[in-house]
């Protein structure tokens, strides 16, 4: 049983690296096929879109505030897990809503 418990993390790490290697290999094969078809290399450049970063950052801020408010609810009102989960989802949702509002304002400003 101990051998199985040791093999699981080792195999998962090796599997992760094999997955990354195959993804990069197939991406290279796809790019080579596009070059053979005559598509220029300017198609390969990734556009840096900050909306995903903003959304992720505000979600994490909301999750952090949710844990903090959940802690205070647990200590003051003895709510246990209910306080943590409710505040986690509420504050995470508020963070995503704030990201949506900011993205909409940026889109209107561009027009």
PDB file of N, CA and C in Angstrom:
ATOM      1  N   UNK A   1       0.820  -1.192   0.000  1.00  0.00           N
ATOM      2  CA  UNK A   1       0.000   0.000   0.000  1.00  0.00           C
ATOM      3  C   UNK A   1       0.865   1.258   0.000  1.00  0.00           C
ATOM      4  N   UNK A   2       1.995   1.202   0.680  1.00  0.00           N
ATOM      5  CA  UNK A   2       2.871   2.369   0.730  1.00  0.00           C
ATOM      6  C   UNK A   2       3.481   2.657  -0.641  1.00  0.00           C
ATOM      7  N   UNK A   3       3.721   1.602  -1.434  1.00  0.00           N
ATOM      8  CA  UNK A   3       4.283   1.800  -2.766  1.00  0.00           C
ATOM      9  C   UNK A   3       3.303   2.552  -3.664  1.00  0.00           C
ATOM     10  N   UNK A   4       2.022   2.226  -3.534  1.00  0.00           N
ATOM     11  CA  UNK A   4       0.994   2.901  -4.326  1.00  0.00           C
ATOM     12  C   UNK A   4       0.891   4.367  -3.922  1.00  0.00           C
ATOM     13  N   UNK A   5       0.963   4.624  -2.638  1.00  0.00           N
ATOM     14  CA  UNK A   5       0.883   6.005  -2.163  1.00  0.00           C
ATOM     15  C   UNK A   5       2.084   6.823  -2.631  1.00  0.00           C
ATOM     16  N   UNK A   6       3.209   6.187  -2.834  1.00  0.00           N
ATOM     17  CA  UNK A   6       4.392   6.885  -3.323  1.00  0.00           C
ATOM     18  C   UNK A   6       4.348   7.055  -4.839  1.00  0.00           C
ATOM     19  N   UNK A   7       3.746   6.111  -5.541  1.00  0.00           N
ATOM     20  CA  UNK A   7       3.715   6.162  -7.000  1.00  0.00           C
ATOM     21  C   UNK A   7       2.733   7.201  -7.535  1.00  0.00           C
ATOM     22  N   UNK A   8       1.672   7.493  -6.808  1.00  0.00           N
ATOM     23  CA  UNK A   8       0.660   8.430  -7.307  1.00  0.00           C
ATOM     24  C   UNK A   8       1.243   9.818  -7.558  1.00  0.00           C
ATOM     25  N   UNK A   9       1.944  10.452  -6.611  1.00  0.00           N
ATOM     26  CA  UNK A   9       2.498  11.774  -6.921  1.00  0.00           C
ATOM     27  C   UNK A   9       3.582  11.727  -8.000  1.00  0.00           C
ATOM     28  N   UNK A  10       4.374  10.678  -8.013  1.00  0.00           N
ATOM     29  CA  UNK A  10       5.438  10.574  -9.019  1.00  0.00           C
ATOM     30  C   UNK A  10       4.829  10.458 -10.409  1.00  0.00           C
ATOM     31  N   UNK A  11       3.832   9.588 -10.560  1.00  0.00           N
ATOM     32  CA  UNK A  11       3.202   9.420 -11.869  1.00  0.00           C
ATOM     33  C   UNK A  11       2.436  10.656 -12.302  1.00  0.00           C
ATOM     34  N   UNK A  12       1.828  11.361 -11.367  1.00  0.00           N
ATOM     35  CA  UNK A  12       1.096  12.574 -11.748  1.00  0.00           C
ATOM     36  C   UNK A  12       2.054  13.668 -12.205  1.00  0.00           C
ATOM     37  N   UNK A  13       3.202  13.804 -11.575  1.00  0.00           N
ATOM     38  CA  UNK A  13       4.189  14.806 -12.002  1.00  0.00           C
ATOM     39  C   UNK A  13       4.758  14.446 -13.365  1.00  0.00           C
ATOM     40  N   UNK A  14       5.093  13.181 -13.558  1.00  0.00           N
ATOM     41  CA  UNK A  14       5.613  12.743 -14.861  1.00  0.00           C
ATOM     42  C   UNK A  14       4.541  12.930 -15.931  1.00  0.00           C
ATOM     43  N   UNK A  15       3.313  12.586 -15.628  1.00  0.00           N
ATOM     44  CA  UNK A  15       2.214  12.758 -16.580  1.00  0.00           C
ATOM     45  C   UNK A  15       1.991  14.208 -16.947  1.00  0.00           C
ATOM     46  N   UNK A  16       2.130  15.098 -15.987  1.00  0.00           N
ATOM     47  CA  UNK A  16       1.974  16.530 -16.253  1.00  0.00           C
ATOM     48  C   UNK A  16       3.038  17.009 -17.233  1.00  0.00           C
ATOM     49  N   UNK A  17       4.282  16.616 -17.019  1.00  0.00           N
ATOM     50  CA  UNK A  17       5.347  17.040 -17.909  1.00  0.00           C
ATOM     51  C   UNK A  17       5.208  16.430 -19.305  1.00  0.00           C
ATOM     52  N   UNK A  18       4.764  15.188 -19.385  1.00  0.00           N
ATOM     53  CA  UNK A  18       4.530  14.568 -20.691  1.00  0.00           C
ATOM     54  C   UNK A  18       3.406  15.304 -21.425  1.00  0.00           C
ATOM     55  N   UNK A  19       2.372  15.693 -20.700  1.00  0.00           N
ATOM     56  CA  UNK A  19       1.280  16.446 -21.295  1.00  0.00           C
ATOM     57  C   UNK A  19       1.763  17.775 -21.862  1.00  0.00           C
ATOM     58  N   UNK A  20       2.591  18.488 -21.123  1.00  0.00           N
ATOM     59  CA  UNK A  20       3.131  19.769 -21.585  1.00  0.00           C
ATOM     60  C   UNK A  20       3.995  19.560 -22.834  1.00  0.00           C
ATOM     61  N   UNK A  21       4.818  18.535 -22.821  1.00  0.00           N
ATOM     62  CA  UNK A  21       5.688  18.262 -23.975  1.00  0.00           C
ATOM     63  C   UNK A  21       4.857  17.952 -25.213  1.00  0.00           C
ATOM     64  N   UNK A  22       3.809  17.128 -25.089  1.00  0.00           N
ATOM     65  CA  UNK A  22       2.980  16.798 -26.244  1.00  0.00           C
ATOM     66  C   UNK A  22       2.182  18.006 -26.728  1.00  0.00           C
ATOM     67  N   UNK A  23       1.708  18.836 -25.813  1.00  0.00           N
ATOM     68  CA  UNK A  23       1.004  20.045 -26.241  1.00  0.00           C
ATOM     69  C   UNK A  23       1.920  20.961 -27.039  1.00  0.00           C
ATOM     70  N   UNK A  24       3.135  21.147 -26.579  1.00  0.00           N
ATOM     71  CA  UNK A  24       4.090  21.974 -27.319  1.00  0.00           C
ATOM     72  C   UNK A  24       4.437  21.344 -28.669  1.00  0.00           C
ATOM     73  N   UNK A  25       4.555  20.032 -28.715  1.00  0.00           N
ATOM     74  CA  UNK A  25       4.885  19.336 -29.968  1.00  0.00           C
ATOM     75  C   UNK A  25       3.773  19.524 -30.990  1.00  0.00           C
ATOM     76  N   UNK A  26       2.528  19.339 -30.561  1.00  0.00           N
ATOM     77  CA  UNK A  26       1.413  19.492 -31.492  1.00  0.00           C
ATOM     78  C   UNK A  26       1.220  20.946 -31.905  1.00  0.00           C
ATOM     79  N   UNK A  27       1.543  21.869 -31.025  1.00  0.00           N
ATOM     80  CA  UNK A  27       1.487  23.280 -31.391  1.00  0.00           C
ATOM     81  C   UNK A  27       2.535  23.584 -32.461  1.00  0.00           C
ATOM     82  N   UNK A  28       3.701  22.999 -32.339  1.00  0.00           N
ATOM     83  CA  UNK A  28       4.755  23.188 -33.334  1.00  0.00           C
ATOM     84  C   UNK A  28       4.355  22.564 -34.674  1.00  0.00           C
ATOM     85  N   UNK A  29       3.756  21.390 -34.640  1.00  0.00           N
ATOM     86  CA  UNK A  29       3.309  20.742 -35.873  1.00  0.00           C
ATOM     87  C   UNK A  29       2.231  21.595 -36.553  1.00  0.00           C
ATOM     88  N   UNK A  30       1.331  22.151 -35.766  1.00  0.00           N
ATOM     89  CA  UNK A  30       0.281  22.995 -36.319  1.00  0.00           C
ATOM     90  C   UNK A  30       0.872  24.255 -36.956  1.00  0.00           C
ATOM     91  N   UNK A  31       1.829  24.861 -36.307  1.00  0.00           N
ATOM     92  CA  UNK A  31       2.466  26.051 -36.867  1.00  0.00           C
ATOM     93  C   UNK A  31       3.232  25.736 -38.146  1.00  0.00           C
ATOM     94  N   UNK A  32       3.900  24.612 -38.179  1.00  0.00           N
ATOM     95  CA  UNK A  32       4.628  24.223 -39.388  1.00  0.00           C
ATOM     96  C   UNK A  32       3.659  23.999 -40.550  1.00  0.00           C
ATOM     97  N   UNK A  33       2.502  23.413 -40.270  1.00  0.00           N
ATOM     98  CA  UNK A  33       1.502  23.207 -41.319  1.00  0.00           C
ATOM     99  C   UNK A  33       0.945  24.546 -41.802  1.00  0.00           C
ATOM    100  N   UNK A  34       0.780  25.490 -40.897  1.00  0.00           N
ATOM    101  CA  UNK A  34       0.287  26.814 -41.302  1.00  0.00           C
ATOM    102  C   UNK A  34       1.325  27.537 -42.151  1.00  0.00           C
ATOM    103  N   UNK A  35       2.594  27.381 -41.820  1.00  0.00           N
ATOM    104  CA  UNK A  35       3.653  28.006 -42.612  1.00  0.00           C
ATOM    105  C   UNK A  35       3.694  27.398 -44.013  1.00  0.00           C
ATOM    106  N   UNK A  36       3.501  26.082 -44.100  1.00  0.00           N
ATOM    107  CA  UNK A  36       3.488  25.430 -45.409  1.00  0.00           C
ATOM    108  C   UNK A  36       2.316  25.905 -46.263  1.00  0.00           C
ATOM    109  N   UNK A  37       1.209  26.244 -45.621  1.00  0.00           N
ATOM    110  CA  UNK A  37       0.036  26.735 -46.350  1.00  0.00           C
ATOM    111  C   UNK A  37       0.186  28.199 -46.745  1.00  0.00           C
ATOM    112  N   UNK A  38       1.179  28.898 -46.199  1.00  0.00           N
ATOM    113  CA  UNK A  38       1.412  30.280 -46.570  1.00  0.00           C
ATOM    114  C   UNK A  38       0.917  31.310 -45.579  1.00  0.00           C
ATOM    115  N   UNK A  39       0.543  30.891 -44.400  1.00  0.00           N
ATOM    116  CA  UNK A  39       0.100  31.837 -43.375  1.00  0.00           C
ATOM    117  C   UNK A  39       1.341  32.436 -42.727  1.00  0.00           C
ATOM    118  N   UNK A  40       1.342  33.758 -42.536  1.00  0.00           N
ATOM    119  CA  UNK A  40       2.511  34.441 -41.997  1.00  0.00           C
ATOM    120  C   UNK A  40       2.714  34.213 -40.510  1.00  0.00           C
ATOM    121  N   UNK A  41       3.927  34.469 -40.039  1.00  0.00           N
ATOM    122  CA  UNK A  41       4.224  34.270 -38.621  1.00  0.00           C
ATOM    123  C   UNK A  41       3.571  35.309 -37.710  1.00  0.00           C
ATOM    124  N   UNK A  42       3.022  36.398 -38.285  1.00  0.00           N
ATOM    125  CA  UNK A  42       2.364  37.391 -37.439  1.00  0.00           C
ATOM    126  C   UNK A  42       1.072  36.838 -36.836  1.00  0.00           C
ATOM    127  N   UNK A  43       0.558  35.744 -37.371  1.00  0.00           N
ATOM    128  CA  UNK A  43      -0.634  35.101 -36.822  1.00  0.00           C
ATOM    129  C   UNK A  43      -0.344  34.396 -35.500  1.00  0.00           C
ATOM    130  N   UNK A  44       0.936  34.135 -35.223  1.00  0.00           N
ATOM    131  CA  UNK A  44       1.297  33.372 -34.027  1.00  0.00           C
ATOM    132  C   UNK A  44       1.404  34.230 -32.781  1.00  0.00           C
ATOM    133  N   UNK A  45       1.482  35.525 -32.945  1.00  0.00           N
ATOM    134  CA  UNK A  45       1.683  36.390 -31.786  1.00  0.00           C
ATOM    135  C   UNK A  45       0.430  36.412 -30.931  1.00  0.00           C
ATOM    136  N   UNK A  46       0.624  36.300 -29.623  1.00  0.00           N
ATOM    137  CA  UNK A  46      -0.491  36.360 -28.692  1.00  0.00           C
ATOM    138  C   UNK A  46      -0.809  37.813 -28.382  1.00  0.00           C
ATOM    139  N   UNK A  47      -2.064  38.147 -28.478  1.00  0.00           N
ATOM    140  CA  UNK A  47      -2.453  39.504 -28.095  1.00  0.00           C
ATOM    141  C   UNK A  47      -2.603  39.548 -26.579  1.00  0.00           C
ATOM    142  N   UNK A  48      -2.040  40.566 -25.981  1.00  0.00           N
ATOM    143  CA  UNK A  48      -2.123  40.662 -24.525  1.00  0.00           C
ATOM    144  C   UNK A  48      -3.426  41.354 -24.167  1.00  0.00           C
ATOM    145  N   UNK A  49      -4.333  40.592 -23.623  1.00  0.00           N
ATOM    146  CA  UNK A  49      -5.629  41.107 -23.225  1.00  0.00           C
ATOM    147  C   UNK A  49      -5.657  41.155 -21.707  1.00  0.00           C
ATOM    148  N   UNK A  50      -5.828  42.330 -21.163  1.00  0.00           N
ATOM    149  CA  UNK A  50      -5.762  42.502 -19.717  1.00  0.00           C
ATOM    150  C   UNK A  50      -7.075  42.164 -19.029  1.00  0.00           C
ATOM    151  N   UNK A  51      -8.134  41.877 -19.781  1.00  0.00           N
ATOM    152  CA  UNK A  51      -9.418  41.622 -19.138  1.00  0.00           C
ATOM    153  C   UNK A  51      -9.384  40.328 -18.323  1.00  0.00           C
ATOM    154  N   UNK A  52      -8.695  39.317 -18.810  1.00  0.00           N
ATOM    155  CA  UNK A  52      -8.597  38.070 -18.045  1.00  0.00           C
ATOM    156  C   UNK A  52      -7.823  38.254 -16.763  1.00  0.00           C
ATOM    157  N   UNK A  53      -6.768  39.062 -16.826  1.00  0.00           N
ATOM    158  CA  UNK A  53      -5.979  39.333 -15.632  1.00  0.00           C
ATOM    159  C   UNK A  53      -6.785  40.130 -14.617  1.00  0.00           C
ATOM    160  N   UNK A  54      -7.523  41.120 -15.107  1.00  0.00           N
ATOM    161  CA  UNK A  54      -8.369  41.922 -14.218  1.00  0.00           C
ATOM    162  C   UNK A  54      -9.431  41.062 -13.563  1.00  0.00           C
ATOM    163  N   UNK A  55     -10.066  40.213 -14.341  1.00  0.00           N
ATOM    164  CA  UNK A  55     -11.116  39.350 -13.813  1.00  0.00           C
ATOM    165  C   UNK A  55     -10.557  38.406 -12.750  1.00  0.00           C
ATOM    166  N   UNK A  56      -9.404  37.817 -13.025  1.00  0.00           N
ATOM    167  CA  UNK A  56      -8.788  36.880 -12.083  1.00  0.00           C
ATOM    168  C   UNK A  56      -8.350  37.601 -10.809  1.00  0.00           C
ATOM    169  N   UNK A  57      -7.792  38.810 -10.960  1.00  0.00           N
ATOM    170  CA  UNK A  57      -7.332  39.559  -9.788  1.00  0.00           C
ATOM    171  C   UNK A  57      -8.506  39.958  -8.899  1.00  0.00           C
ATOM    172  N   UNK A  58      -9.581  40.456  -9.499  1.00  0.00           N
ATOM    173  CA  UNK A  58     -10.736  40.847  -8.684  1.00  0.00           C
ATOM    174  C   UNK A  58     -11.435  39.643  -8.071  1.00  0.00           C
ATOM    175  N   UNK A  59     -11.400  38.499  -8.755  1.00  0.00           N
ATOM    176  CA  UNK A  59     -11.956  37.284  -8.168  1.00  0.00           C
ATOM    177  C   UNK A  59     -11.159  36.874  -6.940  1.00  0.00           C
ATOM    178  N   UNK A  60      -9.827  36.915  -7.033  1.00  0.00           N
ATOM    179  CA  UNK A  60      -9.007  36.537  -5.880  1.00  0.00           C
ATOM    180  C   UNK A  60      -9.154  37.528  -4.732  1.00  0.00           C
ATOM    181  N   UNK A  61      -9.295  38.808  -5.046  1.00  0.00           N
ATOM    182  CA  UNK A  61      -9.538  39.799  -3.990  1.00  0.00           C
ATOM    183  C   UNK A  61     -10.867  39.496  -3.305  1.00  0.00           C
ATOM    184  N   UNK A  62     -11.893  39.186  -4.091  1.00  0.00           N
ATOM    185  CA  UNK A  62     -13.192  38.836  -3.525  1.00  0.00           C
ATOM    186  C   UNK A  62     -13.134  37.579  -2.679  1.00  0.00           C
ATOM    187  N   UNK A  63     -12.384  36.588  -3.124  1.00  0.00           N
ATOM    188  CA  UNK A  63     -12.245  35.347  -2.351  1.00  0.00           C
ATOM    189  C   UNK A  63     -11.537  35.628  -1.029  1.00  0.00           C
ATOM    190  N   UNK A  64     -10.491  36.464  -1.079  1.00  0.00           N
ATOM    191  CA  UNK A  64      -9.788  36.817   0.154  1.00  0.00           C
ATOM    192  C   UNK A  64     -10.688  37.556   1.132  1.00  0.00           C
ATOM    193  N   UNK A  65     -11.473  38.507   0.622  1.00  0.00           N
ATOM    194  CA  UNK A  65     -12.418  39.207   1.490  1.00  0.00           C
ATOM    195  C   UNK A  65     -13.494  38.257   2.010  1.00  0.00           C
ATOM    196  N   UNK A  66     -13.889  37.297   1.180  1.00  0.00           N
ATOM    197  CA  UNK A  66     -14.880  36.312   1.612  1.00  0.00           C
ATOM    198  C   UNK A  66     -14.363  35.454   2.753  1.00  0.00           C
ATOM    199  N   UNK A  67     -13.109  35.027   2.673  1.00  0.00           N
ATOM    200  CA  UNK A  67     -12.536  34.262   3.779  1.00  0.00           C
ATOM    201  C   UNK A  67     -12.445  35.106   5.039  1.00  0.00           C
ATOM    202  N   UNK A  68     -12.072  36.358   4.891  1.00  0.00           N
ATOM    203  CA  UNK A  68     -11.957  37.241   6.053  1.00  0.00           C
ATOM    204  C   UNK A  68     -13.319  37.467   6.702  1.00  0.00           C
ATOM    205  N   UNK A  69     -14.344  37.773   5.897  1.00  0.00           N
ATOM    206  CA  UNK A  69     -15.684  37.962   6.452  1.00  0.00           C
ATOM    207  C   UNK A  69     -16.238  36.660   7.021  1.00  0.00           C
ATOM    208  N   UNK A  70     -15.941  35.542   6.385  1.00  0.00           N
ATOM    209  CA  UNK A  70     -16.363  34.254   6.911  1.00  0.00           C
ATOM    210  C   UNK A  70     -15.735  33.952   8.260  1.00  0.00           C
ATOM    211  N   UNK A  71     -14.479  34.344   8.412  1.00  0.00           N
ATOM    212  CA  UNK A  71     -13.804  34.163   9.702  1.00  0.00           C
ATOM    213  C   UNK A  71     -14.497  34.977  10.794  1.00  0.00           C
ATOM    214  N   UNK A  72     -14.823  36.227  10.476  1.00  0.00           N
ATOM    215  CA  UNK A  72     -15.507  37.062  11.471  1.00  0.00           C
ATOM    216  C   UNK A  72     -16.899  36.530  11.791  1.00  0.00           C
ATOM    217  N   UNK A  73     -17.615  36.018  10.791  1.00  0.00           N
ATOM    218  CA  UNK A  73     -18.922  35.416  11.063  1.00  0.00           C
ATOM    219  C   UNK A  73     -18.785  34.171  11.925  1.00  0.00           C
ATOM    220  N   UNK A  74     -17.759  33.387  11.670  1.00  0.00           N
ATOM    221  CA  UNK A  74     -17.547  32.172  12.451  1.00  0.00           C
ATOM    222  C   UNK A  74     -17.216  32.506  13.894  1.00  0.00           C
ATOM    223  N   UNK A  75     -16.373  33.496  14.108  1.00  0.00           N
ATOM    224  CA  UNK A  75     -15.973  33.862  15.470  1.00  0.00           C
ATOM    225  C   UNK A  75     -17.085  34.546  16.250  1.00  0.00           C
ATOM    226  N   UNK A  76     -17.832  35.429  15.601  1.00  0.00           N
ATOM    227  CA  UNK A  76     -18.830  36.224  16.328  1.00  0.00           C
ATOM    228  C   UNK A  76     -20.179  35.532  16.448  1.00  0.00           C
ATOM    229  N   UNK A  77     -20.592  34.785  15.436  1.00  0.00           N
ATOM    230  CA  UNK A  77     -21.915  34.186  15.446  1.00  0.00           C
ATOM    231  C   UNK A  77     -21.881  32.661  15.430  1.00  0.00           C
ATOM    232  N   UNK A  78     -20.710  32.058  15.519  1.00  0.00           N
ATOM    233  CA  UNK A  78     -20.523  30.605  15.562  1.00  0.00           C
ATOM    234  C   UNK A  78     -21.254  29.915  14.403  1.00  0.00           C
ATOM    235  N   UNK A  79     -20.968  30.383  13.168  1.00  0.00           N
ATOM    236  CA  UNK A  79     -21.655  29.865  11.984  1.00  0.00           C
ATOM    237  C   UNK A  79     -20.911  28.702  11.331  1.00  0.00           C
ATOM    238  N   UNK A  80     -19.687  28.436  11.728  1.00  0.00           N
ATOM    239  CA  UNK A  80     -18.846  27.360  11.203  1.00  0.00           C
ATOM    240  C   UNK A  80     -18.668  27.477   9.697  1.00  0.00           C
ATOM    241  N   UNK A  81     -18.926  26.391   8.947  1.00  0.00           N
ATOM    242  CA  UNK A  81     -18.634  26.389   7.507  1.00  0.00           C
ATOM    243  C   UNK A  81     -19.567  27.263   6.700  1.00  0.00           C
ATOM    244  N   UNK A  82     -20.770  27.479   7.192  1.00  0.00           N
ATOM    245  CA  UNK A  82     -21.758  28.251   6.432  1.00  0.00           C
ATOM    246  C   UNK A  82     -21.261  29.666   6.187  1.00  0.00           C
ATOM    247  N   UNK A  83     -20.654  30.272   7.177  1.00  0.00           N
ATOM    248  CA  UNK A  83     -20.139  31.627   7.020  1.00  0.00           C
ATOM    249  C   UNK A  83     -19.034  31.700   5.992  1.00  0.00           C
ATOM    250  N   UNK A  84     -18.153  30.722   6.005  1.00  0.00           N
ATOM    251  CA  UNK A  84     -17.048  30.725   5.039  1.00  0.00           C
ATOM    252  C   UNK A  84     -17.556  30.579   3.603  1.00  0.00           C
ATOM    253  N   UNK A  85     -18.392  29.583   3.364  1.00  0.00           N
ATOM    254  CA  UNK A  85     -18.836  29.338   1.999  1.00  0.00           C
ATOM    255  C   UNK A  85     -19.726  30.454   1.475  1.00  0.00           C
ATOM    256  N   UNK A  86     -20.623  30.956   2.318  1.00  0.00           N
ATOM    257  CA  UNK A  86     -21.517  32.015   1.839  1.00  0.00           C
ATOM    258  C   UNK A  86     -20.731  33.278   1.509  1.00  0.00           C
ATOM    259  N   UNK A  87     -19.824  33.677   2.367  1.00  0.00           N
ATOM    260  CA  UNK A  87     -19.047  34.891   2.109  1.00  0.00           C
ATOM    261  C   UNK A  87     -18.069  34.683   0.950  1.00  0.00           C
ATOM    262  N   UNK A  88     -17.551  33.484   0.819  1.00  0.00           N
ATOM    263  CA  UNK A  88     -16.645  33.181  -0.282  1.00  0.00           C
ATOM    264  C   UNK A  88     -17.353  33.369  -1.622  1.00  0.00           C
ATOM    265  N   UNK A  89     -18.542  32.796  -1.766  1.00  0.00           N
ATOM    266  CA  UNK A  89     -19.269  32.909  -3.028  1.00  0.00           C
ATOM    267  C   UNK A  89     -19.802  34.318  -3.247  1.00  0.00           C
ATOM    268  N   UNK A  90     -20.288  34.966  -2.194  1.00  0.00           N
ATOM    269  CA  UNK A  90     -20.802  36.331  -2.348  1.00  0.00           C
ATOM    270  C   UNK A  90     -19.701  37.298  -2.761  1.00  0.00           C
ATOM    271  N   UNK A  91     -18.600  37.289  -2.058  1.00  0.00           N
ATOM    272  CA  UNK A  91     -17.517  38.239  -2.366  1.00  0.00           C
ATOM    273  C   UNK A  91     -16.828  37.894  -3.683  1.00  0.00           C
ATOM    274  N   UNK A  92     -16.704  36.616  -4.005  1.00  0.00           N
ATOM    275  CA  UNK A  92     -16.167  36.238  -5.306  1.00  0.00           C
ATOM    276  C   UNK A  92     -17.069  36.703  -6.430  1.00  0.00           C
ATOM    277  N   UNK A  93     -18.382  36.597  -6.243  1.00  0.00           N
ATOM    278  CA  UNK A  93     -19.341  37.096  -7.233  1.00  0.00           C
ATOM    279  C   UNK A  93     -19.277  38.602  -7.367  1.00  0.00           C
ATOM    280  N   UNK A  94     -19.108  39.311  -6.238  1.00  0.00           N
ATOM    281  CA  UNK A  94     -18.974  40.766  -6.295  1.00  0.00           C
ATOM    282  C   UNK A  94     -17.708  41.157  -7.054  1.00  0.00           C
ATOM    283  N   UNK A  95     -16.643  40.397  -6.866  1.00  0.00           N
ATOM    284  CA  UNK A  95     -15.398  40.673  -7.591  1.00  0.00           C
ATOM    285  C   UNK A  95     -15.572  40.490  -9.089  1.00  0.00           C
ATOM    286  N   UNK A  96     -16.261  39.425  -9.499  1.00  0.00           N
ATOM    287  CA  UNK A  96     -16.509  39.208 -10.922  1.00  0.00           C
ATOM    288  C   UNK A  96     -17.454  40.264 -11.491  1.00  0.00           C
ATOM    289  N   UNK A  97     -18.429  40.691 -10.693  1.00  0.00           N
ATOM    290  CA  UNK A  97     -19.333  41.750 -11.147  1.00  0.00           C
ATOM    291  C   UNK A  97     -18.564  43.058 -11.327  1.00  0.00           C
ATOM    292  N   UNK A  98     -17.652  43.353 -10.417  1.00  0.00           N
ATOM    293  CA  UNK A  98     -16.839  44.564 -10.543  1.00  0.00           C
ATOM    294  C   UNK A  98     -15.965  44.491 -11.796  1.00  0.00           C
ATOM    295  N   UNK A  99     -15.413  43.323 -12.087  1.00  0.00           N
ATOM    296  CA  UNK A  99     -14.606  43.161 -13.305  1.00  0.00           C
ATOM    297  C   UNK A  99     -15.462  43.379 -14.541  1.00  0.00           C
ATOM    298  N   UNK A 100     -16.691  42.894 -14.532  1.00  0.00           N
ATOM    299  CA  UNK A 100     -17.589  43.078 -15.667  1.00  0.00           C
ATOM    300  C   UNK A 100     -17.902  44.565 -15.868  1.00  0.00           C
ATOM    301  N   UNK A 101     -18.172  45.262 -14.781  1.00  0.00           N
ATOM    302  CA  UNK A 101     -18.490  46.690 -14.878  1.00  0.00           C
ATOM    303  C   UNK A 101     -17.295  47.471 -15.422  1.00  0.00           C
ATOM    304  N   UNK A 102     -16.112  47.157 -14.936  1.00  0.00           N
ATOM    305  CA  UNK A 102     -14.908  47.855 -15.408  1.00  0.00           C
ATOM    306  C   UNK A 102     -14.666  47.566 -16.888  1.00  0.00           C
ATOM    307  N   UNK A 103     -14.851  46.304 -17.309  1.00  0.00           N
ATOM    308  CA  UNK A 103     -14.665  45.955 -18.723  1.00  0.00           C
ATOM    309  C   UNK A 103     -15.683  46.648 -19.611  1.00  0.00           C
ATOM    310  N   UNK A 104     -16.927  46.779 -19.140  1.00  0.00           N
ATOM    311  CA  UNK A 104     -17.956  47.470 -19.916  1.00  0.00           C
ATOM    312  C   UNK A 104     -17.621  48.955 -20.065  1.00  0.00           C
ATOM    313  N   UNK A 105     -17.114  49.571 -18.995  1.00  0.00           N
ATOM    314  CA  UNK A 105     -16.728  50.982 -19.081  1.00  0.00           C
ATOM    315  C   UNK A 105     -15.578  51.177 -20.042  1.00  0.00           C
ATOM    316  N   UNK A 106     -14.623  50.251 -20.044  1.00  0.00           N
ATOM    317  CA  UNK A 106     -13.507  50.337 -21.006  1.00  0.00           C
ATOM    318  C   UNK A 106     -14.018  50.179 -22.434  1.00  0.00           C
ATOM    319  N   UNK A 107     -14.950  49.270 -22.657  1.00  0.00           N
ATOM    320  CA  UNK A 107     -15.490  49.055 -24.000  1.00  0.00           C
ATOM    321  C   UNK A 107     -16.239  50.280 -24.489  1.00  0.00           C
ATOM    322  N   UNK A 108     -16.995  50.932 -23.604  1.00  0.00           N
ATOM    323  CA  UNK A 108     -17.713  52.154 -24.003  1.00  0.00           C
ATOM    324  C   UNK A 108     -16.743  53.288 -24.264  1.00  0.00           C
ATOM    325  N   UNK A 109     -15.646  53.332 -23.522  1.00  0.00           N
ATOM    326  CA  UNK A 109     -14.662  54.409 -23.720  1.00  0.00           C
ATOM    327  C   UNK A 109     -13.947  54.242 -25.051  1.00  0.00           C
ATOM    328  N   UNK A 110     -13.771  53.023 -25.534  1.00  0.00           N
ATOM    329  CA  UNK A 110     -13.109  52.770 -26.816  1.00  0.00           C
ATOM    330  C   UNK A 110     -13.986  53.174 -28.000  1.00  0.00           C
ATOM    331  N   UNK A 111     -15.294  53.122 -27.805  1.00  0.00           N
ATOM    332  CA  UNK A 111     -16.220  53.420 -28.918  1.00  0.00           C
ATOM    333  C   UNK A 111     -16.332  54.884 -29.197  1.00  0.00           C
TER     334      UNK A 111
END
